[in-house]
Amino acid sequence: MFTPTSRYHGIEVARYEPPDGADPVPYVRRRLLPDPCALTPAGFHTVVEGDRLDRIAAAAFGDPELFWRLADANPALDPEELTARPGRRLLIALSAAAAGSTHGF
């Protein structure tokens, strides 16, 4: 259902059966965030004025849609916090799946 680069790849799709007999509603089960300490570091990025997570992801992973890997590795309640302060050092880490493979990022 989700591409291999999606943060939801491999997450089970469940079905809610409404008690009134209406059509079942599919939904994606909850995604648990990985423990950042358990991720394999691949490098760091120092935030500069005007940085955006999608641009950092494009440079680090070759795909701007992988911005969620930066958010997973650098916990914040609001992802915009990650680039709000120039000088902040962001961890660039392999995904949990990639850490166990030979495919790199």
PDB file of N, CA and C in Angstrom:
ATOM      1  N   MET A   1       0.815  -1.190   0.000  1.00  0.00           N
ATOM      2  CA  MET A   1       0.000   0.000   0.000  1.00  0.00           C
ATOM      3  C   MET A   1       0.864   1.262   0.000  1.00  0.00           C
ATOM      4  N   PHE A   2       1.958   1.244   0.756  1.00  0.00           N
ATOM      5  CA  PHE A   2       2.860   2.399   0.822  1.00  0.00           C
ATOM      6  C   PHE A   2       4.182   2.030   0.173  1.00  0.00           C
ATOM      7  N   THR A   3       4.818   3.011  -0.458  1.00  0.00           N
ATOM      8  CA  THR A   3       6.107   2.758  -1.114  1.00  0.00           C
ATOM      9  C   THR A   3       7.167   2.425  -0.062  1.00  0.00           C
ATOM     10  N   PRO A   4       8.246   1.769  -0.462  1.00  0.00           N
ATOM     11  CA  PRO A   4       9.299   1.415   0.489  1.00  0.00           C
ATOM     12  C   PRO A   4       9.940   2.609   1.193  1.00  0.00           C
ATOM     13  N   THR A   5       9.872   3.803   0.620  1.00  0.00           N
ATOM     14  CA  THR A   5      10.459   4.973   1.266  1.00  0.00           C
ATOM     15  C   THR A   5       9.487   5.706   2.182  1.00  0.00           C
ATOM     16  N   SER A   6       8.249   5.249   2.243  1.00  0.00           N
ATOM     17  CA  SER A   6       7.248   5.886   3.102  1.00  0.00           C
ATOM     18  C   SER A   6       7.487   5.558   4.567  1.00  0.00           C
ATOM     19  N   ARG A   7       7.217   6.513   5.432  1.00  0.00           N
ATOM     20  CA  ARG A   7       7.331   6.248   6.866  1.00  0.00           C
ATOM     21  C   ARG A   7       6.318   5.217   7.322  1.00  0.00           C
ATOM     22  N   TYR A   8       5.305   4.950   6.511  1.00  0.00           N
ATOM     23  CA  TYR A   8       4.260   3.990   6.873  1.00  0.00           C
ATOM     24  C   TYR A   8       4.447   2.626   6.225  1.00  0.00           C
ATOM     25  N   HIS A   9       5.510   2.463   5.426  1.00  0.00           N
ATOM     26  CA  HIS A   9       5.776   1.174   4.794  1.00  0.00           C
ATOM     27  C   HIS A   9       5.910   0.091   5.864  1.00  0.00           C
ATOM     28  N   GLY A  10       5.199  -0.994   5.691  1.00  0.00           N
ATOM     29  CA  GLY A  10       5.280  -2.112   6.624  1.00  0.00           C
ATOM     30  C   GLY A  10       4.345  -2.005   7.817  1.00  0.00           C
ATOM     31  N   ILE A  11       3.640  -0.884   7.952  1.00  0.00           N
ATOM     32  CA  ILE A  11       2.679  -0.738   9.047  1.00  0.00           C
ATOM     33  C   ILE A  11       1.375  -1.400   8.605  1.00  0.00           C
ATOM     34  N   GLU A  12       0.801  -2.165   9.489  1.00  0.00           N
ATOM     35  CA  GLU A  12      -0.422  -2.900   9.182  1.00  0.00           C
ATOM     36  C   GLU A  12      -1.601  -1.959   8.898  1.00  0.00           C
ATOM     37  N   VAL A  13      -2.382  -2.328   7.896  1.00  0.00           N
ATOM     38  CA  VAL A  13      -3.639  -1.638   7.626  1.00  0.00           C
ATOM     39  C   VAL A  13      -4.732  -2.487   8.265  1.00  0.00           C
ATOM     40  N   ALA A  14      -5.487  -1.887   9.160  1.00  0.00           N
ATOM     41  CA  ALA A  14      -6.560  -2.584   9.863  1.00  0.00           C
ATOM     42  C   ALA A  14      -7.908  -2.079   9.343  1.00  0.00           C
ATOM     43  N   ARG A  15      -8.983  -2.691   9.812  1.00  0.00           N
ATOM     44  CA  ARG A  15     -10.324  -2.272   9.404  1.00  0.00           C
ATOM     45  C   ARG A  15     -11.184  -2.065  10.638  1.00  0.00           C
ATOM     46  N   TYR A  16     -11.853  -0.928  10.661  1.00  0.00           N
ATOM     47  CA  TYR A  16     -12.823  -0.650  11.713  1.00  0.00           C
ATOM     48  C   TYR A  16     -14.186  -1.090  11.198  1.00  0.00           C
ATOM     49  N   GLU A  17     -14.856  -1.923  11.957  1.00  0.00           N
ATOM     50  CA  GLU A  17     -16.188  -2.409  11.608  1.00  0.00           C
ATOM     51  C   GLU A  17     -17.205  -1.617  12.429  1.00  0.00           C
ATOM     52  N   PRO A  18     -17.881  -0.637  11.821  1.00  0.00           N
ATOM     53  CA  PRO A  18     -18.853   0.160  12.569  1.00  0.00           C
ATOM     54  C   PRO A  18     -19.977  -0.716  13.129  1.00  0.00           C
ATOM     55  N   PRO A  19     -20.398  -0.438  14.336  1.00  0.00           N
ATOM     56  CA  PRO A  19     -21.429  -1.266  14.968  1.00  0.00           C
ATOM     57  C   PRO A  19     -22.790  -1.166  14.272  1.00  0.00           C
ATOM     58  N   ASP A  20     -22.993  -0.108  13.481  1.00  0.00           N
ATOM     59  CA  ASP A  20     -24.290   0.062  12.810  1.00  0.00           C
ATOM     60  C   ASP A  20     -24.373  -0.689  11.486  1.00  0.00           C
ATOM     61  N   GLY A  21     -23.335  -1.474  11.159  1.00  0.00           N
ATOM     62  CA  GLY A  21     -23.341  -2.255   9.930  1.00  0.00           C
ATOM     63  C   GLY A  21     -22.895  -1.477   8.705  1.00  0.00           C
ATOM     64  N   ALA A  22     -22.467  -0.242   8.871  1.00  0.00           N
ATOM     65  CA  ALA A  22     -21.969   0.547   7.741  1.00  0.00           C
ATOM     66  C   ALA A  22     -20.699  -0.107   7.192  1.00  0.00           C
ATOM     67  N   ASP A  23     -20.265   0.375   6.044  1.00  0.00           N
ATOM     68  CA  ASP A  23     -19.076  -0.183   5.409  1.00  0.00           C
ATOM     69  C   ASP A  23     -17.863  -0.078   6.326  1.00  0.00           C
ATOM     70  N   PRO A  24     -17.013  -1.115   6.317  1.00  0.00           N
ATOM     71  CA  PRO A  24     -15.778  -1.059   7.112  1.00  0.00           C
ATOM     72  C   PRO A  24     -14.900   0.109   6.662  1.00  0.00           C
ATOM     73  N   VAL A  25     -14.125   0.633   7.600  1.00  0.00           N
ATOM     74  CA  VAL A  25     -13.246   1.762   7.324  1.00  0.00           C
ATOM     75  C   VAL A  25     -11.795   1.310   7.529  1.00  0.00           C
ATOM     76  N   PRO A  26     -11.000   1.291   6.454  1.00  0.00           N
ATOM     77  CA  PRO A  26      -9.589   0.916   6.634  1.00  0.00           C
ATOM     78  C   PRO A  26      -8.810   2.071   7.275  1.00  0.00           C
ATOM     79  N   TYR A  27      -7.817   1.712   8.061  1.00  0.00           N
ATOM     80  CA  TYR A  27      -6.937   2.718   8.664  1.00  0.00           C
ATOM     81  C   TYR A  27      -5.576   2.104   8.907  1.00  0.00           C
ATOM     82  N   VAL A  28      -4.586   2.957   8.980  1.00  0.00           N
ATOM     83  CA  VAL A  28      -3.219   2.509   9.230  1.00  0.00           C
ATOM     84  C   VAL A  28      -3.001   2.498  10.736  1.00  0.00           C
ATOM     85  N   ARG A  29      -2.508   1.386  11.229  1.00  0.00           N
ATOM     86  CA  ARG A  29      -2.233   1.290  12.668  1.00  0.00           C
ATOM     87  C   ARG A  29      -1.179   2.319  13.066  1.00  0.00           C
ATOM     88  N   ARG A  30      -1.085   2.545  14.333  1.00  0.00           N
ATOM     89  CA  ARG A  30      -0.162   3.537  14.878  1.00  0.00           C
ATOM     90  C   ARG A  30       1.288   3.193  14.531  1.00  0.00           C
ATOM     91  N   ARG A  31       2.021   4.212  14.148  1.00  0.00           N
ATOM     92  CA  ARG A  31       3.460   4.057  13.875  1.00  0.00           C
ATOM     93  C   ARG A  31       4.234   4.484  15.110  1.00  0.00           C
ATOM     94  N   LEU A  32       5.010   3.566  15.651  1.00  0.00           N
ATOM     95  CA  LEU A  32       5.839   3.889  16.813  1.00  0.00           C
ATOM     96  C   LEU A  32       7.167   4.447  16.318  1.00  0.00           C
ATOM     97  N   LEU A  33       7.577   5.526  16.927  1.00  0.00           N
ATOM     98  CA  LEU A  33       8.842   6.140  16.535  1.00  0.00           C
ATOM     99  C   LEU A  33      10.013   5.314  17.046  1.00  0.00           C
ATOM    100  N   PRO A  34      11.070   5.231  16.245  1.00  0.00           N
ATOM    101  CA  PRO A  34      12.249   4.503  16.712  1.00  0.00           C
ATOM    102  C   PRO A  34      12.965   5.293  17.804  1.00  0.00           C
ATOM    103  N   ASP A  35      13.693   4.582  18.641  1.00  0.00           N
ATOM    104  CA  ASP A  35      14.533   5.232  19.644  1.00  0.00           C
ATOM    105  C   ASP A  35      15.725   5.835  18.898  1.00  0.00           C
ATOM    106  N   PRO A  36      15.879   7.163  18.926  1.00  0.00           N
ATOM    107  CA  PRO A  36      16.990   7.785  18.188  1.00  0.00           C
ATOM    108  C   PRO A  36      18.352   7.207  18.568  1.00  0.00           C
ATOM    109  N   CYS A  37      18.502   6.762  19.806  1.00  0.00           N
ATOM    110  CA  CYS A  37      19.781   6.188  20.247  1.00  0.00           C
ATOM    111  C   CYS A  37      20.061   4.846  19.572  1.00  0.00           C
ATOM    112  N   ALA A  38      19.019   4.201  19.054  1.00  0.00           N
ATOM    113  CA  ALA A  38      19.193   2.901  18.412  1.00  0.00           C
ATOM    114  C   ALA A  38      19.458   3.024  16.913  1.00  0.00           C
ATOM    115  N   LEU A  39      19.351   4.235  16.365  1.00  0.00           N
ATOM    116  CA  LEU A  39      19.609   4.441  14.942  1.00  0.00           C
ATOM    117  C   LEU A  39      21.111   4.527  14.677  1.00  0.00           C
ATOM    118  N   THR A  40      21.509   4.124  13.492  1.00  0.00           N
ATOM    119  CA  THR A  40      22.920   4.158  13.116  1.00  0.00           C
ATOM    120  C   THR A  40      23.265   5.522  12.526  1.00  0.00           C
ATOM    121  N   PRO A  41      24.158   6.280  13.185  1.00  0.00           N
ATOM    122  CA  PRO A  41      24.534   7.594  12.659  1.00  0.00           C
ATOM    123  C   PRO A  41      25.233   7.470  11.303  1.00  0.00           C
ATOM    124  N   ALA A  42      24.881   8.395  10.401  1.00  0.00           N
ATOM    125  CA  ALA A  42      25.530   8.441   9.093  1.00  0.00           C
ATOM    126  C   ALA A  42      26.218   9.778   8.876  1.00  0.00           C
ATOM    127  N   GLY A  43      26.004  10.704   9.788  1.00  0.00           N
ATOM    128  CA  GLY A  43      26.610  12.017   9.668  1.00  0.00           C
ATOM    129  C   GLY A  43      25.819  13.052  10.446  1.00  0.00           C
ATOM    130  N   PHE A  44      26.182  14.294  10.252  1.00  0.00           N
ATOM    131  CA  PHE A  44      25.515  15.401  10.937  1.00  0.00           C
ATOM    132  C   PHE A  44      25.342  16.548   9.959  1.00  0.00           C
ATOM    133  N   HIS A  45      24.399  17.399  10.260  1.00  0.00           N
ATOM    134  CA  HIS A  45      24.171  18.619   9.480  1.00  0.00           C
ATOM    135  C   HIS A  45      24.019  19.761  10.464  1.00  0.00           C
ATOM    136  N   THR A  46      24.755  20.832  10.256  1.00  0.00           N
ATOM    137  CA  THR A  46      24.616  22.024  11.085  1.00  0.00           C
ATOM    138  C   THR A  46      23.654  22.975  10.382  1.00  0.00           C
ATOM    139  N   VAL A  47      22.582  23.312  11.076  1.00  0.00           N
ATOM    140  CA  VAL A  47      21.528  24.158  10.522  1.00  0.00           C
ATOM    141  C   VAL A  47      22.056  25.564  10.252  1.00  0.00           C
ATOM    142  N   VAL A  48      21.708  26.081   9.073  1.00  0.00           N
ATOM    143  CA  VAL A  48      22.014  27.467   8.720  1.00  0.00           C
ATOM    144  C   VAL A  48      20.689  28.190   8.473  1.00  0.00           C
ATOM    145  N   GLU A  49      20.742  29.495   8.501  1.00  0.00           N
ATOM    146  CA  GLU A  49      19.545  30.315   8.266  1.00  0.00           C
ATOM    147  C   GLU A  49      18.886  29.900   6.949  1.00  0.00           C
ATOM    148  N   GLY A  50      17.589  29.665   6.986  1.00  0.00           N
ATOM    149  CA  GLY A  50      16.844  29.305   5.785  1.00  0.00           C
ATOM    150  C   GLY A  50      16.778  27.817   5.491  1.00  0.00           C
ATOM    151  N   ASP A  51      17.438  26.982   6.287  1.00  0.00           N
ATOM    152  CA  ASP A  51      17.373  25.535   6.074  1.00  0.00           C
ATOM    153  C   ASP A  51      15.946  25.031   6.214  1.00  0.00           C
ATOM    154  N   ARG A  52      15.642  23.994   5.435  1.00  0.00           N
ATOM    155  CA  ARG A  52      14.356  23.305   5.535  1.00  0.00           C
ATOM    156  C   ARG A  52      14.637  21.812   5.561  1.00  0.00           C
ATOM    157  N   LEU A  53      13.794  21.064   6.272  1.00  0.00           N
ATOM    158  CA  LEU A  53      14.015  19.624   6.394  1.00  0.00           C
ATOM    159  C   LEU A  53      14.007  18.923   5.039  1.00  0.00           C
ATOM    160  N   ASP A  54      13.135  19.352   4.123  1.00  0.00           N
ATOM    161  CA  ASP A  54      13.092  18.684   2.827  1.00  0.00           C
ATOM    162  C   ASP A  54      14.396  18.898   2.047  1.00  0.00           C
ATOM    163  N   ARG A  55      14.982  20.063   2.154  1.00  0.00           N
ATOM    164  CA  ARG A  55      16.239  20.327   1.451  1.00  0.00           C
ATOM    165  C   ARG A  55      17.405  19.577   2.091  1.00  0.00           C
ATOM    166  N   ILE A  56      17.393  19.493   3.405  1.00  0.00           N
ATOM    167  CA  ILE A  56      18.440  18.724   4.090  1.00  0.00           C
ATOM    168  C   ILE A  56      18.318  17.254   3.713  1.00  0.00           C
ATOM    169  N   ALA A  57      17.088  16.740   3.677  1.00  0.00           N
ATOM    170  CA  ALA A  57      16.857  15.339   3.304  1.00  0.00           C
ATOM    171  C   ALA A  57      17.295  15.075   1.865  1.00  0.00           C
ATOM    172  N   ALA A  58      17.027  16.022   0.968  1.00  0.00           N
ATOM    173  CA  ALA A  58      17.446  15.851  -0.425  1.00  0.00           C
ATOM    174  C   ALA A  58      18.965  15.741  -0.517  1.00  0.00           C
ATOM    175  N   ALA A  59      19.665  16.576   0.250  1.00  0.00           N
ATOM    176  CA  ALA A  59      21.134  16.531   0.227  1.00  0.00           C
ATOM    177  C   ALA A  59      21.668  15.269   0.901  1.00  0.00           C
ATOM    178  N   ALA A  60      21.053  14.865   1.999  1.00  0.00           N
ATOM    179  CA  ALA A  60      21.564  13.725   2.777  1.00  0.00           C
ATOM    180  C   ALA A  60      21.155  12.370   2.202  1.00  0.00           C
ATOM    181  N   PHE A  61      19.907  12.283   1.724  1.00  0.00           N
ATOM    182  CA  PHE A  61      19.364  10.988   1.296  1.00  0.00           C
ATOM    183  C   PHE A  61      19.053  10.916  -0.193  1.00  0.00           C
ATOM    184  N   GLY A  62      19.145  12.069  -0.889  1.00  0.00           N
ATOM    185  CA  GLY A  62      18.813  12.083  -2.305  1.00  0.00           C
ATOM    186  C   GLY A  62      17.324  12.138  -2.579  1.00  0.00           C
ATOM    187  N   ASP A  63      16.517  12.400  -1.541  1.00  0.00           N
ATOM    188  CA  ASP A  63      15.060  12.431  -1.703  1.00  0.00           C
ATOM    189  C   ASP A  63      14.469  13.368  -0.656  1.00  0.00           C
ATOM    190  N   PRO A  64      13.852  14.468  -1.071  1.00  0.00           N
ATOM    191  CA  PRO A  64      13.295  15.407  -0.094  1.00  0.00           C
ATOM    192  C   PRO A  64      12.141  14.826   0.725  1.00  0.00           C
ATOM    193  N   GLU A  65      11.478  13.793   0.179  1.00  0.00           N
ATOM    194  CA  GLU A  65      10.357  13.195   0.906  1.00  0.00           C
ATOM    195  C   GLU A  65      10.805  12.336   2.079  1.00  0.00           C
ATOM    196  N   LEU A  66      12.101  12.164   2.242  1.00  0.00           N
ATOM    197  CA  LEU A  66      12.625  11.408   3.387  1.00  0.00           C
ATOM    198  C   LEU A  66      12.904  12.311   4.581  1.00  0.00           C
ATOM    199  N   PHE A  67      12.332  13.513   4.589  1.00  0.00           N
ATOM    200  CA  PHE A  67      12.499  14.451   5.704  1.00  0.00           C
ATOM    201  C   PHE A  67      12.114  13.815   7.032  1.00  0.00           C
ATOM    202  N   TRP A  68      11.198  12.875   7.015  1.00  0.00           N
ATOM    203  CA  TRP A  68      10.728  12.231   8.239  1.00  0.00           C
ATOM    204  C   TRP A  68      11.848  11.452   8.934  1.00  0.00           C
ATOM    205  N   ARG A  69      12.861  11.024   8.185  1.00  0.00           N
ATOM    206  CA  ARG A  69      13.994  10.343   8.828  1.00  0.00           C
ATOM    207  C   ARG A  69      14.763  11.308   9.721  1.00  0.00           C
ATOM    208  N   LEU A  70      14.846  12.571   9.313  1.00  0.00           N
ATOM    209  CA  LEU A  70      15.490  13.586  10.155  1.00  0.00           C
ATOM    210  C   LEU A  70      14.662  13.820  11.410  1.00  0.00           C
ATOM    211  N   ALA A  71      13.346  13.864  11.243  1.00  0.00           N
ATOM    212  CA  ALA A  71      12.468  14.063  12.395  1.00  0.00           C
ATOM    213  C   ALA A  71      12.558  12.875  13.358  1.00  0.00           C
ATOM    214  N   ASP A  72      12.653  11.658  12.833  1.00  0.00           N
ATOM    215  CA  ASP A  72      12.796  10.477  13.689  1.00  0.00           C
ATOM    216  C   ASP A  72      14.091  10.512  14.487  1.00  0.00           C
ATOM    217  N   ALA A  73      15.162  10.948  13.855  1.00  0.00           N
ATOM    218  CA  ALA A  73      16.482  10.924  14.493  1.00  0.00           C
ATOM    219  C   ALA A  73      16.708  12.089  15.443  1.00  0.00           C
ATOM    220  N   ASN A  74      15.920  13.152  15.290  1.00  0.00           N
ATOM    221  CA  ASN A  74      16.098  14.368  16.084  1.00  0.00           C
ATOM    222  C   ASN A  74      14.758  14.784  16.665  1.00  0.00           C
ATOM    223  N   PRO A  75      14.323  14.127  17.721  1.00  0.00           N
ATOM    224  CA  PRO A  75      12.973  14.344  18.235  1.00  0.00           C
ATOM    225  C   PRO A  75      12.675  15.803  18.583  1.00  0.00           C
ATOM    226  N   ALA A  76      11.477  16.209  18.205  1.00  0.00           N
ATOM    227  CA  ALA A  76      10.955  17.532  18.541  1.00  0.00           C
ATOM    228  C   ALA A  76       9.436  17.433  18.439  1.00  0.00           C
ATOM    229  N   LEU A  77       8.736  18.180  19.241  1.00  0.00           N
ATOM    230  CA  LEU A  77       7.281  18.173  19.145  1.00  0.00           C
ATOM    231  C   LEU A  77       6.811  18.748  17.818  1.00  0.00           C
ATOM    232  N   ASP A  78       7.507  19.736  17.318  1.00  0.00           N
ATOM    233  CA  ASP A  78       7.175  20.379  16.055  1.00  0.00           C
ATOM    234  C   ASP A  78       8.402  20.269  15.149  1.00  0.00           C
ATOM    235  N   PRO A  79       8.291  19.597  14.003  1.00  0.00           N
ATOM    236  CA  PRO A  79       9.464  19.436  13.132  1.00  0.00           C
ATOM    237  C   PRO A  79      10.135  20.748  12.742  1.00  0.00           C
ATOM    238  N   GLU A  80       9.380  21.842  12.720  1.00  0.00           N
ATOM    239  CA  GLU A  80       9.986  23.127  12.371  1.00  0.00           C
ATOM    240  C   GLU A  80      11.007  23.575  13.412  1.00  0.00           C
ATOM    241  N   GLU A  81      10.907  23.036  14.628  1.00  0.00           N
ATOM    242  CA  GLU A  81      11.898  23.344  15.670  1.00  0.00           C
ATOM    243  C   GLU A  81      13.297  22.910  15.237  1.00  0.00           C
ATOM    244  N   LEU A  82      13.363  21.869  14.411  1.00  0.00           N
ATOM    245  CA  LEU A  82      14.662  21.311  14.034  1.00  0.00           C
ATOM    246  C   LEU A  82      15.506  22.278  13.211  1.00  0.00           C
ATOM    247  N   THR A  83      14.860  23.173  12.484  1.00  0.00           N
ATOM    248  CA  THR A  83      15.612  24.124  11.659  1.00  0.00           C
ATOM    249  C   THR A  83      15.431  25.569  12.125  1.00  0.00           C
ATOM    250  N   ALA A  84      14.797  25.768  13.258  1.00  0.00           N
ATOM    251  CA  ALA A  84      14.499  27.128  13.740  1.00  0.00           C
ATOM    252  C   ALA A  84      15.729  27.863  14.256  1.00  0.00           C
ATOM    253  N   ARG A  85      16.727  27.118  14.730  1.00  0.00           N
ATOM    254  CA  ARG A  85      17.890  27.760  15.358  1.00  0.00           C
ATOM    255  C   ARG A  85      19.162  27.442  14.579  1.00  0.00           C
ATOM    256  N   PRO A  86      19.683  28.431  13.831  1.00  0.00           N
ATOM    257  CA  PRO A  86      20.957  28.204  13.146  1.00  0.00           C
ATOM    258  C   PRO A  86      22.029  27.765  14.159  1.00  0.00           C
ATOM    259  N   GLY A  87      22.846  26.826  13.722  1.00  0.00           N
ATOM    260  CA  GLY A  87      23.883  26.287  14.587  1.00  0.00           C
ATOM    261  C   GLY A  87      23.503  24.957  15.213  1.00  0.00           C
ATOM    262  N   ARG A  88      22.206  24.629  15.199  1.00  0.00           N
ATOM    263  CA  ARG A  88      21.788  23.342  15.761  1.00  0.00           C
ATOM    264  C   ARG A  88      22.387  22.222  14.910  1.00  0.00           C
ATOM    265  N   ARG A  89      22.839  21.192  15.572  1.00  0.00           N
ATOM    266  CA  ARG A  89      23.461  20.054  14.894  1.00  0.00           C
ATOM    267  C   ARG A  89      22.433  18.926  14.806  1.00  0.00           C
ATOM    268  N   LEU A  90      22.070  18.540  13.591  1.00  0.00           N
ATOM    269  CA  LEU A  90      21.097  17.478  13.371  1.00  0.00           C
ATOM    270  C   LEU A  90      21.798  16.169  13.046  1.00  0.00           C
ATOM    271  N   LEU A  91      21.328  15.108  13.663  1.00  0.00           N
ATOM    272  CA  LEU A  91      21.830  13.777  13.355  1.00  0.00           C
ATOM    273  C   LEU A  91      21.205  13.308  12.050  1.00  0.00           C
ATOM    274  N   ILE A  92      22.034  12.810  11.162  1.00  0.00           N
ATOM    275  CA  ILE A  92      21.568  12.135   9.957  1.00  0.00           C
ATOM    276  C   ILE A  92      21.829  10.663  10.216  1.00  0.00           C
ATOM    277  N   ALA A  93      20.749   9.875  10.231  1.00  0.00           N
ATOM    278  CA  ALA A  93      20.878   8.469  10.600  1.00  0.00           C
ATOM    279  C   ALA A  93      20.252   7.576   9.548  1.00  0.00           C
ATOM    280  N   LEU A  94      20.742   6.355   9.501  1.00  0.00           N
ATOM    281  CA  LEU A  94      20.123   5.350   8.655  1.00  0.00           C
ATOM    282  C   LEU A  94      18.745   5.047   9.226  1.00  0.00           C
ATOM    283  N   SER A  95      17.817   4.685   8.373  1.00  0.00           N
ATOM    284  CA  SER A  95      16.508   4.265   8.878  1.00  0.00           C
ATOM    285  C   SER A  95      16.696   2.955   9.637  1.00  0.00           C
ATOM    286  N   ALA A  96      15.755   2.625  10.475  1.00  0.00           N
ATOM    287  CA  ALA A  96      15.844   1.376  11.234  1.00  0.00           C
ATOM    288  C   ALA A  96      15.958   0.197  10.284  1.00  0.00           C
ATOM    289  N   ALA A  97      15.221   0.216   9.161  1.00  0.00           N
ATOM    290  CA  ALA A  97      15.265  -0.865   8.190  1.00  0.00           C
ATOM    291  C   ALA A  97      16.618  -0.903   7.465  1.00  0.00           C
ATOM    292  N   ALA A  98      17.112   0.278   7.079  1.00  0.00           N
ATOM    293  CA  ALA A  98      18.374   0.338   6.334  1.00  0.00           C
ATOM    294  C   ALA A  98      19.567  -0.036   7.207  1.00  0.00           C
ATOM    295  N   ALA A  99      19.463   0.198   8.507  1.00  0.00           N
ATOM    296  CA  ALA A  99      20.577  -0.115   9.394  1.00  0.00           C
ATOM    297  C   ALA A  99      20.896  -1.601   9.379  1.00  0.00           C
ATOM    298  N   GLY A 100      19.893  -2.427   9.115  1.00  0.00           N
ATOM    299  CA  GLY A 100      20.106  -3.857   9.076  1.00  0.00           C
ATOM    300  C   GLY A 100      20.371  -4.393   7.686  1.00  0.00           C
ATOM    301  N   SER A 101      20.454  -3.506   6.691  1.00  0.00           N
ATOM    302  CA  SER A 101      20.666  -3.945   5.321  1.00  0.00           C
ATOM    303  C   SER A 101      22.014  -3.451   4.800  1.00  0.00           C
ATOM    304  N   THR A 102      22.280  -3.771   3.559  1.00  0.00           N
ATOM    305  CA  THR A 102      23.521  -3.315   2.925  1.00  0.00           C
ATOM    306  C   THR A 102      23.229  -2.211   1.922  1.00  0.00           C
ATOM    307  N   HIS A 103      22.026  -1.616   1.970  1.00  0.00           N
ATOM    308  CA  HIS A 103      21.625  -0.619   0.998  1.00  0.00           C
ATOM    309  C   HIS A 103      21.901   0.811   1.428  1.00  0.00           C
ATOM    310  N   GLY A 104      22.529   1.045   2.536  1.00  0.00           N
ATOM    311  CA  GLY A 104      22.843   2.406   2.969  1.00  0.00           C
ATOM    312  C   GLY A 104      21.609   3.152   3.426  1.00  0.00           C
ATOM    313  N   PHE A 105      21.426   4.381   2.906  1.00  0.00           N
ATOM    314  CA  PHE A 105      20.326   5.226   3.347  1.00  0.00           C
ATOM    315  C   PHE A 105      19.025   4.635   2.895  1.00  0.00           C
TER     316      PHE A 105
END
